[in-house]
Amino acid sequence: DQHRRALSLSKSDLLLEFRARHPHRSSEIVESQVDARLNTRLCALDVLKPPNPDFRTLVRAIDVPTLLVIGDSTIVSVELATELSNINPRVVVEQIPNAGHGLPFDQPRQLERVVAAFLGALP
C-alpha cells in the first residue's frame, strides 16, 4: 500500500514527503529516488507479496561469513537481526545509528567503516 500510495502522488508531493522523511539526504539523492519511485511499475512489487520463502530457513543455509547492517528502520529490527545471528553464527550484525533503510545515503562513512572492518577480519 505504501508503494501504491507513493505512485499515486505528484512528483512535487512525493518530493515534499521524501525531503521531510530524509532531511539529511542531498537534494540530488532525494530527487533521484523520487524519479526512480515514480518510474516503478506496480508489478515490480509483486515480489513482496506472499507467499515468500521462509527467511529463517534461508539464513540457516548460509555457509559463508555474512554481514547484516541495519539502521534504525523498522524493516529489520535489532531483535530480528539478533535472532538471525543466533540462527546462524556466520551472520554478523552491525547497527548504524541515525540511519534508515537507505544506509548508503544516510550514513555512507559509517557504512564504509563497518564493511571495511568486516572484510578486514575475514581469513
PDB file of N, CA and C in Angstrom:
ATOM      1  N   ASP A   1       0.813  -1.203   0.000  1.00  0.00           N
ATOM      2  CA  ASP A   1       0.000   0.000   0.000  1.00  0.00           C
ATOM      3  C   ASP A   1       0.856   1.267   0.000  1.00  0.00           C
ATOM      4  N   GLN A   2       1.961   1.216   0.711  1.00  0.00           N
ATOM      5  CA  GLN A   2       2.859   2.370   0.758  1.00  0.00           C
ATOM      6  C   GLN A   2       3.358   2.718  -0.649  1.00  0.00           C
ATOM      7  N   HIS A   3       3.764   1.711  -1.394  1.00  0.00           N
ATOM      8  CA  HIS A   3       4.274   1.953  -2.745  1.00  0.00           C
ATOM      9  C   HIS A   3       3.158   2.422  -3.678  1.00  0.00           C
ATOM     10  N   ARG A   4       2.000   1.800  -3.545  1.00  0.00           N
ATOM     11  CA  ARG A   4       0.856   2.179  -4.383  1.00  0.00           C
ATOM     12  C   ARG A   4       0.493   3.645  -4.119  1.00  0.00           C
ATOM     13  N   ARG A   5       0.449   4.034  -2.849  1.00  0.00           N
ATOM     14  CA  ARG A   5       0.132   5.419  -2.496  1.00  0.00           C
ATOM     15  C   ARG A   5       1.183   6.377  -3.057  1.00  0.00           C
ATOM     16  N   ALA A   6       2.444   6.017  -2.937  1.00  0.00           N
ATOM     17  CA  ALA A   6       3.521   6.884  -3.452  1.00  0.00           C
ATOM     18  C   ALA A   6       3.381   7.080  -4.956  1.00  0.00           C
ATOM     19  N   LEU A   7       3.016   6.015  -5.657  1.00  0.00           N
ATOM     20  CA  LEU A   7       2.876   6.119  -7.109  1.00  0.00           C
ATOM     21  C   LEU A   7       1.670   6.951  -7.524  1.00  0.00           C
ATOM     22  N   SER A   8       0.766   7.179  -6.585  1.00  0.00           N
ATOM     23  CA  SER A   8      -0.409   7.985  -6.914  1.00  0.00           C
ATOM     24  C   SER A   8      -0.165   9.481  -6.683  1.00  0.00           C
ATOM     25  N   LEU A   9       0.968   9.823  -6.085  1.00  0.00           N
ATOM     26  CA  LEU A   9       1.264  11.231  -5.779  1.00  0.00           C
ATOM     27  C   LEU A   9       1.926  11.918  -6.967  1.00  0.00           C
ATOM     28  N   SER A  10       1.825  13.237  -6.965  1.00  0.00           N
ATOM     29  CA  SER A  10       2.556  14.013  -7.968  1.00  0.00           C
ATOM     30  C   SER A  10       4.022  14.034  -7.552  1.00  0.00           C
ATOM     31  N   LYS A  11       4.878  14.363  -8.490  1.00  0.00           N
ATOM     32  CA  LYS A  11       6.304  14.423  -8.190  1.00  0.00           C
ATOM     33  C   LYS A  11       6.568  15.445  -7.090  1.00  0.00           C
ATOM     34  N   SER A  12       5.939  16.599  -7.155  1.00  0.00           N
ATOM     35  CA  SER A  12       6.197  17.632  -6.139  1.00  0.00           C
ATOM     36  C   SER A  12       5.742  17.178  -4.754  1.00  0.00           C
ATOM     37  N   ASP A  13       4.613  16.484  -4.662  1.00  0.00           N
ATOM     38  CA  ASP A  13       4.146  15.980  -3.365  1.00  0.00           C
ATOM     39  C   ASP A  13       5.077  14.890  -2.829  1.00  0.00           C
ATOM     40  N   LEU A  14       5.518  14.023  -3.721  1.00  0.00           N
ATOM     41  CA  LEU A  14       6.418  12.955  -3.297  1.00  0.00           C
ATOM     42  C   LEU A  14       7.773  13.536  -2.870  1.00  0.00           C
ATOM     43  N   LEU A  15       8.234  14.557  -3.582  1.00  0.00           N
ATOM     44  CA  LEU A  15       9.478  15.229  -3.174  1.00  0.00           C
ATOM     45  C   LEU A  15       9.344  15.823  -1.774  1.00  0.00           C
ATOM     46  N   LEU A  16       8.212  16.459  -1.493  1.00  0.00           N
ATOM     47  CA  LEU A  16       7.983  17.013  -0.148  1.00  0.00           C
ATOM     48  C   LEU A  16       8.032  15.922   0.912  1.00  0.00           C
ATOM     49  N   GLU A  17       7.394  14.802   0.635  1.00  0.00           N
ATOM     50  CA  GLU A  17       7.403  13.680   1.590  1.00  0.00           C
ATOM     51  C   GLU A  17       8.806  13.137   1.806  1.00  0.00           C
ATOM     52  N   PHE A  18       9.535  12.907   0.709  1.00  0.00           N
ATOM     53  CA  PHE A  18      10.885  12.361   0.822  1.00  0.00           C
ATOM     54  C   PHE A  18      11.797  13.331   1.572  1.00  0.00           C
ATOM     55  N   ARG A  19      11.686  14.607   1.271  1.00  0.00           N
ATOM     56  CA  ARG A  19      12.550  15.594   1.965  1.00  0.00           C
ATOM     57  C   ARG A  19      12.224  15.643   3.457  1.00  0.00           C
ATOM     58  N   ALA A  20      10.957  15.505   3.804  1.00  0.00           N
ATOM     59  CA  ALA A  20      10.561  15.507   5.216  1.00  0.00           C
ATOM     60  C   ALA A  20      11.072  14.247   5.918  1.00  0.00           C
ATOM     61  N   ARG A  21      11.007  13.108   5.242  1.00  0.00           N
ATOM     62  CA  ARG A  21      11.461  11.840   5.841  1.00  0.00           C
ATOM     63  C   ARG A  21      12.971  11.717   5.882  1.00  0.00           C
ATOM     64  N   HIS A  22      13.656  12.382   4.952  1.00  0.00           N
ATOM     65  CA  HIS A  22      15.115  12.247   4.832  1.00  0.00           C
ATOM     66  C   HIS A  22      15.776  13.630   4.730  1.00  0.00           C
ATOM     67  N   PRO A  23      15.664  14.426   5.765  1.00  0.00           N
ATOM     68  CA  PRO A  23      16.171  15.802   5.686  1.00  0.00           C
ATOM     69  C   PRO A  23      17.686  15.908   5.522  1.00  0.00           C
ATOM     70  N   HIS A  24      18.423  14.867   5.885  1.00  0.00           N
ATOM     71  CA  HIS A  24      19.878  14.907   5.793  1.00  0.00           C
ATOM     72  C   HIS A  24      20.405  14.433   4.434  1.00  0.00           C
ATOM     73  N   ARG A  25      19.523  13.918   3.584  1.00  0.00           N
ATOM     74  CA  ARG A  25      19.961  13.483   2.256  1.00  0.00           C
ATOM     75  C   ARG A  25      20.020  14.680   1.316  1.00  0.00           C
ATOM     76  N   SER A  26      20.955  14.619   0.382  1.00  0.00           N
ATOM     77  CA  SER A  26      21.107  15.719  -0.568  1.00  0.00           C
ATOM     78  C   SER A  26      19.880  15.802  -1.472  1.00  0.00           C
ATOM     79  N   SER A  27      19.629  16.992  -1.996  1.00  0.00           N
ATOM     80  CA  SER A  27      18.511  17.186  -2.927  1.00  0.00           C
ATOM     81  C   SER A  27      18.661  16.294  -4.143  1.00  0.00           C
ATOM     82  N   GLU A  28      19.912  16.101  -4.580  1.00  0.00           N
ATOM     83  CA  GLU A  28      20.193  15.254  -5.738  1.00  0.00           C
ATOM     84  C   GLU A  28      19.741  13.819  -5.491  1.00  0.00           C
ATOM     85  N   ILE A  29      20.094  13.287  -4.334  1.00  0.00           N
ATOM     86  CA  ILE A  29      19.727  11.912  -3.987  1.00  0.00           C
ATOM     87  C   ILE A  29      18.212  11.798  -3.873  1.00  0.00           C
ATOM     88  N   VAL A  30      17.582  12.736  -3.171  1.00  0.00           N
ATOM     89  CA  VAL A  30      16.132  12.691  -2.982  1.00  0.00           C
ATOM     90  C   VAL A  30      15.420  12.743  -4.324  1.00  0.00           C
ATOM     91  N   GLU A  31      15.837  13.636  -5.183  1.00  0.00           N
ATOM     92  CA  GLU A  31      15.188  13.742  -6.497  1.00  0.00           C
ATOM     93  C   GLU A  31      15.381  12.469  -7.313  1.00  0.00           C
ATOM     94  N   SER A  32      16.568  11.904  -7.251  1.00  0.00           N
ATOM     95  CA  SER A  32      16.835  10.659  -7.973  1.00  0.00           C
ATOM     96  C   SER A  32      15.962   9.525  -7.453  1.00  0.00           C
ATOM     97  N   GLN A  33      15.794   9.445  -6.139  1.00  0.00           N
ATOM     98  CA  GLN A  33      14.962   8.391  -5.561  1.00  0.00           C
ATOM     99  C   GLN A  33      13.487   8.588  -5.911  1.00  0.00           C
ATOM    100  N   VAL A  34      13.041   9.825  -5.921  1.00  0.00           N
ATOM    101  CA  VAL A  34      11.655  10.109  -6.298  1.00  0.00           C
ATOM    102  C   VAL A  34      11.426   9.744  -7.760  1.00  0.00           C
ATOM    103  N   ASP A  35      12.362  10.108  -8.616  1.00  0.00           N
ATOM    104  CA  ASP A  35      12.227   9.747 -10.031  1.00  0.00           C
ATOM    105  C   ASP A  35      12.173   8.226 -10.196  1.00  0.00           C
ATOM    106  N   ALA A  36      13.034   7.536  -9.483  1.00  0.00           N
ATOM    107  CA  ALA A  36      13.038   6.072  -9.563  1.00  0.00           C
ATOM    108  C   ALA A  36      11.711   5.507  -9.080  1.00  0.00           C
ATOM    109  N   ARG A  37      11.211   6.034  -7.976  1.00  0.00           N
ATOM    110  CA  ARG A  37       9.932   5.542  -7.433  1.00  0.00           C
ATOM    111  C   ARG A  37       8.814   5.770  -8.438  1.00  0.00           C
ATOM    112  N   LEU A  38       8.775   6.954  -9.045  1.00  0.00           N
ATOM    113  CA  LEU A  38       7.702   7.268  -9.982  1.00  0.00           C
ATOM    114  C   LEU A  38       7.804   6.467 -11.282  1.00  0.00           C
ATOM    115  N   ASN A  39       8.982   5.941 -11.553  1.00  0.00           N
ATOM    116  CA  ASN A  39       9.159   5.112 -12.750  1.00  0.00           C
ATOM    117  C   ASN A  39       9.019   3.622 -12.461  1.00  0.00           C
ATOM    118  N   THR A  40       8.652   3.298 -11.231  1.00  0.00           N
ATOM    119  CA  THR A  40       8.464   1.908 -10.842  1.00  0.00           C
ATOM    120  C   THR A  40       7.068   1.451 -11.238  1.00  0.00           C
ATOM    121  N   ARG A  41       7.000   0.310 -11.883  1.00  0.00           N
ATOM    122  CA  ARG A  41       5.695  -0.266 -12.215  1.00  0.00           C
ATOM    123  C   ARG A  41       5.239  -1.113 -11.035  1.00  0.00           C
ATOM    124  N   LEU A  42       3.965  -1.066 -10.736  1.00  0.00           N
ATOM    125  CA  LEU A  42       3.423  -1.809  -9.592  1.00  0.00           C
ATOM    126  C   LEU A  42       3.747  -3.301  -9.660  1.00  0.00           C
ATOM    127  N   CYS A  43       3.798  -3.857 -10.834  1.00  0.00           N
ATOM    128  CA  CYS A  43       4.077  -5.296 -10.939  1.00  0.00           C
ATOM    129  C   CYS A  43       5.478  -5.634 -10.427  1.00  0.00           C
ATOM    130  N   ALA A  44       6.377  -4.662 -10.395  1.00  0.00           N
ATOM    131  CA  ALA A  44       7.718  -4.901  -9.855  1.00  0.00           C
ATOM    132  C   ALA A  44       7.663  -5.206  -8.367  1.00  0.00           C
ATOM    133  N   LEU A  45       6.581  -4.804  -7.709  1.00  0.00           N
ATOM    134  CA  LEU A  45       6.439  -5.014  -6.274  1.00  0.00           C
ATOM    135  C   LEU A  45       5.775  -6.347  -5.940  1.00  0.00           C
ATOM    136  N   ASP A  46       5.421  -7.109  -6.952  1.00  0.00           N
ATOM    137  CA  ASP A  46       4.789  -8.412  -6.714  1.00  0.00           C
ATOM    138  C   ASP A  46       5.683  -9.336  -5.895  1.00  0.00           C
ATOM    139  N   VAL A  47       6.977  -9.133  -5.976  1.00  0.00           N
ATOM    140  CA  VAL A  47       7.917  -9.961  -5.225  1.00  0.00           C
ATOM    141  C   VAL A  47       7.698  -9.827  -3.711  1.00  0.00           C
ATOM    142  N   LEU A  48       7.064  -8.751  -3.286  1.00  0.00           N
ATOM    143  CA  LEU A  48       6.812  -8.523  -1.866  1.00  0.00           C
ATOM    144  C   LEU A  48       5.556  -9.220  -1.366  1.00  0.00           C
ATOM    145  N   LYS A  49       4.766  -9.751  -2.278  1.00  0.00           N
ATOM    146  CA  LYS A  49       3.509 -10.398  -1.890  1.00  0.00           C
ATOM    147  C   LYS A  49       3.750 -11.840  -1.470  1.00  0.00           C
ATOM    148  N   PRO A  50       2.997 -12.303  -0.484  1.00  0.00           N
ATOM    149  CA  PRO A  50       3.100 -13.719  -0.098  1.00  0.00           C
ATOM    150  C   PRO A  50       2.654 -14.608  -1.251  1.00  0.00           C
ATOM    151  N   PRO A  51       3.081 -15.832  -1.320  1.00  0.00           N
ATOM    152  CA  PRO A  51       3.934 -16.470  -0.329  1.00  0.00           C
ATOM    153  C   PRO A  51       5.397 -16.106  -0.554  1.00  0.00           C
ATOM    154  N   ASN A  52       6.090 -15.837   0.529  1.00  0.00           N
ATOM    155  CA  ASN A  52       7.512 -15.530   0.479  1.00  0.00           C
ATOM    156  C   ASN A  52       8.268 -16.721   1.056  1.00  0.00           C
ATOM    157  N   PRO A  53       9.506 -16.910   0.628  1.00  0.00           N
ATOM    158  CA  PRO A  53      10.266 -18.005   1.223  1.00  0.00           C
ATOM    159  C   PRO A  53      10.491 -17.730   2.716  1.00  0.00           C
ATOM    160  N   ASP A  54      10.618 -18.779   3.492  1.00  0.00           N
ATOM    161  CA  ASP A  54      10.890 -18.625   4.914  1.00  0.00           C
ATOM    162  C   ASP A  54      12.323 -18.144   5.078  1.00  0.00           C
ATOM    163  N   PHE A  55      12.486 -16.882   5.445  1.00  0.00           N
ATOM    164  CA  PHE A  55      13.819 -16.296   5.502  1.00  0.00           C
ATOM    165  C   PHE A  55      14.685 -16.946   6.577  1.00  0.00           C
ATOM    166  N   ARG A  56      14.074 -17.479   7.618  1.00  0.00           N
ATOM    167  CA  ARG A  56      14.876 -18.142   8.659  1.00  0.00           C
ATOM    168  C   ARG A  56      15.536 -19.403   8.088  1.00  0.00           C
ATOM    169  N   THR A  57      14.811 -20.116   7.256  1.00  0.00           N
ATOM    170  CA  THR A  57      15.389 -21.292   6.597  1.00  0.00           C
ATOM    171  C   THR A  57      16.524 -20.869   5.677  1.00  0.00           C
ATOM    172  N   LEU A  58      16.323 -19.787   4.960  1.00  0.00           N
ATOM    173  CA  LEU A  58      17.376 -19.285   4.069  1.00  0.00           C
ATOM    174  C   LEU A  58      18.619 -18.879   4.860  1.00  0.00           C
ATOM    175  N   VAL A  59      18.415 -18.208   5.992  1.00  0.00           N
ATOM    176  CA  VAL A  59      19.551 -17.763   6.816  1.00  0.00           C
ATOM    177  C   VAL A  59      20.301 -18.974   7.365  1.00  0.00           C
ATOM    178  N   ARG A  60      19.587 -19.997   7.794  1.00  0.00           N
ATOM    179  CA  ARG A  60      20.247 -21.218   8.299  1.00  0.00           C
ATOM    180  C   ARG A  60      21.174 -21.824   7.246  1.00  0.00           C
ATOM    181  N   ALA A  61      20.823 -21.690   5.979  1.00  0.00           N
ATOM    182  CA  ALA A  61      21.580 -22.318   4.894  1.00  0.00           C
ATOM    183  C   ALA A  61      22.810 -21.521   4.464  1.00  0.00           C
ATOM    184  N   ILE A  62      22.978 -20.322   4.955  1.00  0.00           N
ATOM    185  CA  ILE A  62      24.142 -19.509   4.568  1.00  0.00           C
ATOM    186  C   ILE A  62      25.401 -20.172   5.117  1.00  0.00           C
ATOM    187  N   ASP A  63      26.376 -20.410   4.228  1.00  0.00           N
ATOM    188  CA  ASP A  63      27.597 -21.073   4.693  1.00  0.00           C
ATOM    189  C   ASP A  63      28.857 -20.240   4.450  1.00  0.00           C
ATOM    190  N   VAL A  64      28.677 -18.947   4.333  1.00  0.00           N
ATOM    191  CA  VAL A  64      29.815 -18.034   4.204  1.00  0.00           C
ATOM    192  C   VAL A  64      29.631 -16.890   5.202  1.00  0.00           C
ATOM    193  N   PRO A  65      30.710 -16.256   5.616  1.00  0.00           N
ATOM    194  CA  PRO A  65      30.559 -15.105   6.511  1.00  0.00           C
ATOM    195  C   PRO A  65      29.680 -14.050   5.849  1.00  0.00           C
ATOM    196  N   THR A  66      28.725 -13.547   6.611  1.00  0.00           N
ATOM    197  CA  THR A  66      27.732 -12.614   6.079  1.00  0.00           C
ATOM    198  C   THR A  66      27.570 -11.448   7.029  1.00  0.00           C
ATOM    199  N   LEU A  67      27.561 -10.258   6.468  1.00  0.00           N
ATOM    200  CA  LEU A  67      27.370  -9.046   7.256  1.00  0.00           C
ATOM    201  C   LEU A  67      25.966  -8.519   7.027  1.00  0.00           C
ATOM    202  N   LEU A  68      25.227  -8.353   8.107  1.00  0.00           N
ATOM    203  CA  LEU A  68      23.895  -7.746   8.056  1.00  0.00           C
ATOM    204  C   LEU A  68      24.005  -6.403   8.747  1.00  0.00           C
ATOM    205  N   VAL A  69      23.896  -5.340   7.975  1.00  0.00           N
ATOM    206  CA  VAL A  69      23.998  -3.992   8.528  1.00  0.00           C
ATOM    207  C   VAL A  69      22.591  -3.409   8.589  1.00  0.00           C
ATOM    208  N   ILE A  70      22.215  -2.957   9.770  1.00  0.00           N
ATOM    209  CA  ILE A  70      20.887  -2.368   9.949  1.00  0.00           C
ATOM    210  C   ILE A  70      21.028  -0.953  10.465  1.00  0.00           C
ATOM    211  N   GLY A  71      19.988  -0.177  10.229  1.00  0.00           N
ATOM    212  CA  GLY A  71      19.914   1.178  10.771  1.00  0.00           C
ATOM    213  C   GLY A  71      18.851   1.209  11.853  1.00  0.00           C
ATOM    214  N   ASP A  72      18.187   2.339  11.961  1.00  0.00           N
ATOM    215  CA  ASP A  72      17.122   2.495  12.952  1.00  0.00           C
ATOM    216  C   ASP A  72      15.756   2.172  12.363  1.00  0.00           C
ATOM    217  N   SER A  73      15.731   1.734  11.124  1.00  0.00           N
ATOM    218  CA  SER A  73      14.483   1.420  10.437  1.00  0.00           C
ATOM    219  C   SER A  73      13.803   0.222  11.084  1.00  0.00           C
ATOM    220  N   THR A  74      12.503   0.157  10.966  1.00  0.00           N
ATOM    221  CA  THR A  74      11.768  -0.985  11.498  1.00  0.00           C
ATOM    222  C   THR A  74      11.702  -2.132  10.500  1.00  0.00           C
ATOM    223  N   ILE A  75      12.297  -1.976   9.345  1.00  0.00           N
ATOM    224  CA  ILE A  75      12.252  -3.030   8.332  1.00  0.00           C
ATOM    225  C   ILE A  75      12.949  -4.283   8.859  1.00  0.00           C
ATOM    226  N   VAL A  76      14.126  -4.101   9.458  1.00  0.00           N
ATOM    227  CA  VAL A  76      14.809  -5.186  10.164  1.00  0.00           C
ATOM    228  C   VAL A  76      15.144  -4.641  11.547  1.00  0.00           C
ATOM    229  N   SER A  77      14.444  -5.130  12.543  1.00  0.00           N
ATOM    230  CA  SER A  77      14.652  -4.648  13.915  1.00  0.00           C
ATOM    231  C   SER A  77      15.921  -5.260  14.512  1.00  0.00           C
ATOM    232  N   VAL A  78      16.389  -4.657  15.587  1.00  0.00           N
ATOM    233  CA  VAL A  78      17.538  -5.206  16.311  1.00  0.00           C
ATOM    234  C   VAL A  78      17.212  -6.622  16.788  1.00  0.00           C
ATOM    235  N   GLU A  79      15.986  -6.817  17.246  1.00  0.00           N
ATOM    236  CA  GLU A  79      15.585  -8.133  17.739  1.00  0.00           C
ATOM    237  C   GLU A  79      15.630  -9.188  16.629  1.00  0.00           C
ATOM    238  N   LEU A  80      15.121  -8.838  15.461  1.00  0.00           N
ATOM    239  CA  LEU A  80      15.140  -9.781  14.349  1.00  0.00           C
ATOM    240  C   LEU A  80      16.580 -10.047  13.902  1.00  0.00           C
ATOM    241  N   ALA A  81      17.384  -9.010  13.802  1.00  0.00           N
ATOM    242  CA  ALA A  81      18.776  -9.190  13.399  1.00  0.00           C
ATOM    243  C   ALA A  81      19.512 -10.098  14.385  1.00  0.00           C
ATOM    244  N   THR A  82      19.252  -9.903  15.676  1.00  0.00           N
ATOM    245  CA  THR A  82      19.868 -10.748  16.701  1.00  0.00           C
ATOM    246  C   THR A  82      19.414 -12.190  16.549  1.00  0.00           C
ATOM    247  N   GLU A  83      18.131 -12.377  16.303  1.00  0.00           N
ATOM    248  CA  GLU A  83      17.610 -13.725  16.084  1.00  0.00           C
ATOM    249  C   GLU A  83      18.312 -14.389  14.903  1.00  0.00           C
ATOM    250  N   LEU A  84      18.503 -13.649  13.817  1.00  0.00           N
ATOM    251  CA  LEU A  84      19.147 -14.218  12.630  1.00  0.00           C
ATOM    252  C   LEU A  84      20.596 -14.600  12.913  1.00  0.00           C
ATOM    253  N   SER A  85      21.300 -13.779  13.692  1.00  0.00           N
ATOM    254  CA  SER A  85      22.685 -14.126  14.026  1.00  0.00           C
ATOM    255  C   SER A  85      22.732 -15.307  14.991  1.00  0.00           C
ATOM    256  N   ASN A  86      21.689 -15.477  15.806  1.00  0.00           N
ATOM    257  CA  ASN A  86      21.620 -16.654  16.679  1.00  0.00           C
ATOM    258  C   ASN A  86      21.304 -17.913  15.882  1.00  0.00           C
ATOM    259  N   ILE A  87      20.513 -17.778  14.833  1.00  0.00           N
ATOM    260  CA  ILE A  87      20.192 -18.911  13.960  1.00  0.00           C
ATOM    261  C   ILE A  87      21.445 -19.392  13.240  1.00  0.00           C
ATOM    262  N   ASN A  88      22.268 -18.432  12.828  1.00  0.00           N
ATOM    263  CA  ASN A  88      23.472 -18.770  12.066  1.00  0.00           C
ATOM    264  C   ASN A  88      24.616 -17.864  12.516  1.00  0.00           C
ATOM    265  N   PRO A  89      25.600 -18.427  13.222  1.00  0.00           N
ATOM    266  CA  PRO A  89      26.705 -17.605  13.720  1.00  0.00           C
ATOM    267  C   PRO A  89      27.583 -16.991  12.629  1.00  0.00           C
ATOM    268  N   ARG A  90      27.395 -17.404  11.379  1.00  0.00           N
ATOM    269  CA  ARG A  90      28.137 -16.766  10.277  1.00  0.00           C
ATOM    270  C   ARG A  90      27.585 -15.373   9.956  1.00  0.00           C
ATOM    271  N   VAL A  91      26.399 -15.086  10.467  1.00  0.00           N
ATOM    272  CA  VAL A  91      25.775 -13.777  10.239  1.00  0.00           C
ATOM    273  C   VAL A  91      26.218 -12.825  11.349  1.00  0.00           C
ATOM    274  N   VAL A  92      26.952 -11.815  10.951  1.00  0.00           N
ATOM    275  CA  VAL A  92      27.421 -10.785  11.873  1.00  0.00           C
ATOM    276  C   VAL A  92      26.521  -9.573  11.696  1.00  0.00           C
ATOM    277  N   VAL A  93      26.022  -9.041  12.787  1.00  0.00           N
ATOM    278  CA  VAL A  93      25.114  -7.899  12.731  1.00  0.00           C
ATOM    279  C   VAL A  93      25.830  -6.652  13.240  1.00  0.00           C
ATOM    280  N   GLU A  94      25.686  -5.591  12.495  1.00  0.00           N
ATOM    281  CA  GLU A  94      26.167  -4.268  12.906  1.00  0.00           C
ATOM    282  C   GLU A  94      25.014  -3.294  12.738  1.00  0.00           C
ATOM    283  N   GLN A  95      24.817  -2.453  13.738  1.00  0.00           N
ATOM    284  CA  GLN A  95      23.784  -1.429  13.638  1.00  0.00           C
ATOM    285  C   GLN A  95      24.449  -0.063  13.531  1.00  0.00           C
ATOM    286  N   ILE A  96      23.953   0.728  12.605  1.00  0.00           N
ATOM    287  CA  ILE A  96      24.443   2.091  12.425  1.00  0.00           C
ATOM    288  C   ILE A  96      23.333   3.039  12.853  1.00  0.00           C
ATOM    289  N   PRO A  97      23.585   3.807  13.913  1.00  0.00           N
ATOM    290  CA  PRO A  97      22.545   4.731  14.375  1.00  0.00           C
ATOM    291  C   PRO A  97      22.338   5.893  13.410  1.00  0.00           C
ATOM    292  N   ASN A  98      21.190   6.513  13.539  1.00  0.00           N
ATOM    293  CA  ASN A  98      20.832   7.673  12.706  1.00  0.00           C
ATOM    294  C   ASN A  98      20.815   7.331  11.222  1.00  0.00           C
ATOM    295  N   ALA A  99      20.383   6.123  10.925  1.00  0.00           N
ATOM    296  CA  ALA A  99      20.270   5.683   9.539  1.00  0.00           C
ATOM    297  C   ALA A  99      18.972   4.904   9.393  1.00  0.00           C
ATOM    298  N   GLY A 100      18.342   5.076   8.262  1.00  0.00           N
ATOM    299  CA  GLY A 100      17.134   4.329   7.974  1.00  0.00           C
ATOM    300  C   GLY A 100      17.453   3.150   7.086  1.00  0.00           C
ATOM    301  N   HIS A 101      16.513   2.821   6.222  1.00  0.00           N
ATOM    302  CA  HIS A 101      16.670   1.700   5.308  1.00  0.00           C
ATOM    303  C   HIS A 101      17.716   2.010   4.234  1.00  0.00           C
ATOM    304  N   GLY A 102      17.946   3.281   3.968  1.00  0.00           N
ATOM    305  CA  GLY A 102      18.914   3.700   2.948  1.00  0.00           C
ATOM    306  C   GLY A 102      20.270   4.003   3.550  1.00  0.00           C
ATOM    307  N   LEU A 103      20.893   3.024   4.165  1.00  0.00           N
ATOM    308  CA  LEU A 103      22.177   3.226   4.837  1.00  0.00           C
ATOM    309  C   LEU A 103      23.229   3.936   3.979  1.00  0.00           C
ATOM    310  N   PRO A 104      23.401   3.560   2.712  1.00  0.00           N
ATOM    311  CA  PRO A 104      24.433   4.230   1.914  1.00  0.00           C
ATOM    312  C   PRO A 104      24.170   5.728   1.727  1.00  0.00           C
ATOM    313  N   PHE A 105      22.915   6.123   1.830  1.00  0.00           N
ATOM    314  CA  PHE A 105      22.577   7.535   1.680  1.00  0.00           C
ATOM    315  C   PHE A 105      22.625   8.261   3.018  1.00  0.00           C
ATOM    316  N   ASP A 106      22.243   7.548   4.086  1.00  0.00           N
ATOM    317  CA  ASP A 106      22.112   8.172   5.395  1.00  0.00           C
ATOM    318  C   ASP A 106      23.436   8.286   6.140  1.00  0.00           C
ATOM    319  N   GLN A 107      24.228   7.229   6.102  1.00  0.00           N
ATOM    320  CA  GLN A 107      25.492   7.201   6.849  1.00  0.00           C
ATOM    321  C   GLN A 107      26.578   6.513   6.019  1.00  0.00           C
ATOM    322  N   PRO A 108      26.971   7.108   4.887  1.00  0.00           N
ATOM    323  CA  PRO A 108      27.912   6.421   3.994  1.00  0.00           C
ATOM    324  C   PRO A 108      29.276   6.143   4.634  1.00  0.00           C
ATOM    325  N   ARG A 109      29.792   7.057   5.435  1.00  0.00           N
ATOM    326  CA  ARG A 109      31.122   6.857   6.043  1.00  0.00           C
ATOM    327  C   ARG A 109      31.084   5.748   7.083  1.00  0.00           C
ATOM    328  N   GLN A 110      30.010   5.728   7.881  1.00  0.00           N
ATOM    329  CA  GLN A 110      29.902   4.681   8.893  1.00  0.00           C
ATOM    330  C   GLN A 110      29.709   3.317   8.230  1.00  0.00           C
ATOM    331  N   LEU A 111      28.926   3.278   7.167  1.00  0.00           N
ATOM    332  CA  LEU A 111      28.733   2.027   6.441  1.00  0.00           C
ATOM    333  C   LEU A 111      30.061   1.548   5.868  1.00  0.00           C
ATOM    334  N   GLU A 112      30.821   2.460   5.292  1.00  0.00           N
ATOM    335  CA  GLU A 112      32.137   2.111   4.750  1.00  0.00           C
ATOM    336  C   GLU A 112      33.032   1.535   5.850  1.00  0.00           C
ATOM    337  N   ARG A 113      33.024   2.151   7.016  1.00  0.00           N
ATOM    338  CA  ARG A 113      33.848   1.700   8.139  1.00  0.00           C
ATOM    339  C   ARG A 113      33.448   0.281   8.570  1.00  0.00           C
ATOM    340  N   VAL A 114      32.143   0.041   8.703  1.00  0.00           N
ATOM    341  CA  VAL A 114      31.641  -1.262   9.142  1.00  0.00           C
ATOM    342  C   VAL A 114      31.983  -2.348   8.123  1.00  0.00           C
ATOM    343  N   VAL A 115      31.786  -2.062   6.852  1.00  0.00           N
ATOM    344  CA  VAL A 115      32.073  -3.055   5.801  1.00  0.00           C
ATOM    345  C   VAL A 115      33.578  -3.327   5.736  1.00  0.00           C
ATOM    346  N   ALA A 116      34.389  -2.278   5.804  1.00  0.00           N
ATOM    347  CA  ALA A 116      35.842  -2.461   5.754  1.00  0.00           C
ATOM    348  C   ALA A 116      36.329  -3.300   6.938  1.00  0.00           C
ATOM    349  N   ALA A 117      35.799  -3.047   8.120  1.00  0.00           N
ATOM    350  CA  ALA A 117      36.197  -3.822   9.303  1.00  0.00           C
ATOM    351  C   ALA A 117      35.803  -5.292   9.141  1.00  0.00           C
ATOM    352  N   PHE A 118      34.603  -5.526   8.634  1.00  0.00           N
ATOM    353  CA  PHE A 118      34.128  -6.906   8.410  1.00  0.00           C
ATOM    354  C   PHE A 118      35.035  -7.620   7.410  1.00  0.00           C
ATOM    355  N   LEU A 119      35.288  -6.966   6.292  1.00  0.00           N
ATOM    356  CA  LEU A 119      36.133  -7.584   5.258  1.00  0.00           C
ATOM    357  C   LEU A 119      37.558  -7.785   5.753  1.00  0.00           C
ATOM    358  N   GLY A 120      38.053  -6.824   6.526  1.00  0.00           N
ATOM    359  CA  GLY A 120      39.398  -6.927   7.063  1.00  0.00           C
ATOM    360  C   GLY A 120      39.568  -8.063   8.060  1.00  0.00           C
ATOM    361  N   ALA A 121      38.508  -8.481   8.691  1.00  0.00           N
ATOM    362  CA  ALA A 121      38.560  -9.562   9.681  1.00  0.00           C
ATOM    363  C   ALA A 121      38.409 -10.949   9.048  1.00  0.00           C
ATOM    364  N   LEU A 122      38.108 -10.997   7.760  1.00  0.00           N
ATOM    365  CA  LEU A 122      37.957 -12.299   7.092  1.00  0.00           C
ATOM    366  C   LEU A 122      39.313 -12.964   6.932  1.00  0.00           C
ATOM    367  N   PRO A 123      39.333 -14.289   7.034  1.00  0.00           N
ATOM    368  CA  PRO A 123      40.619 -15.008   6.881  1.00  0.00           C
ATOM    369  C   PRO A 123      41.131 -14.953   5.449  1.00  0.00           C
TER     370      PRO A 123
END
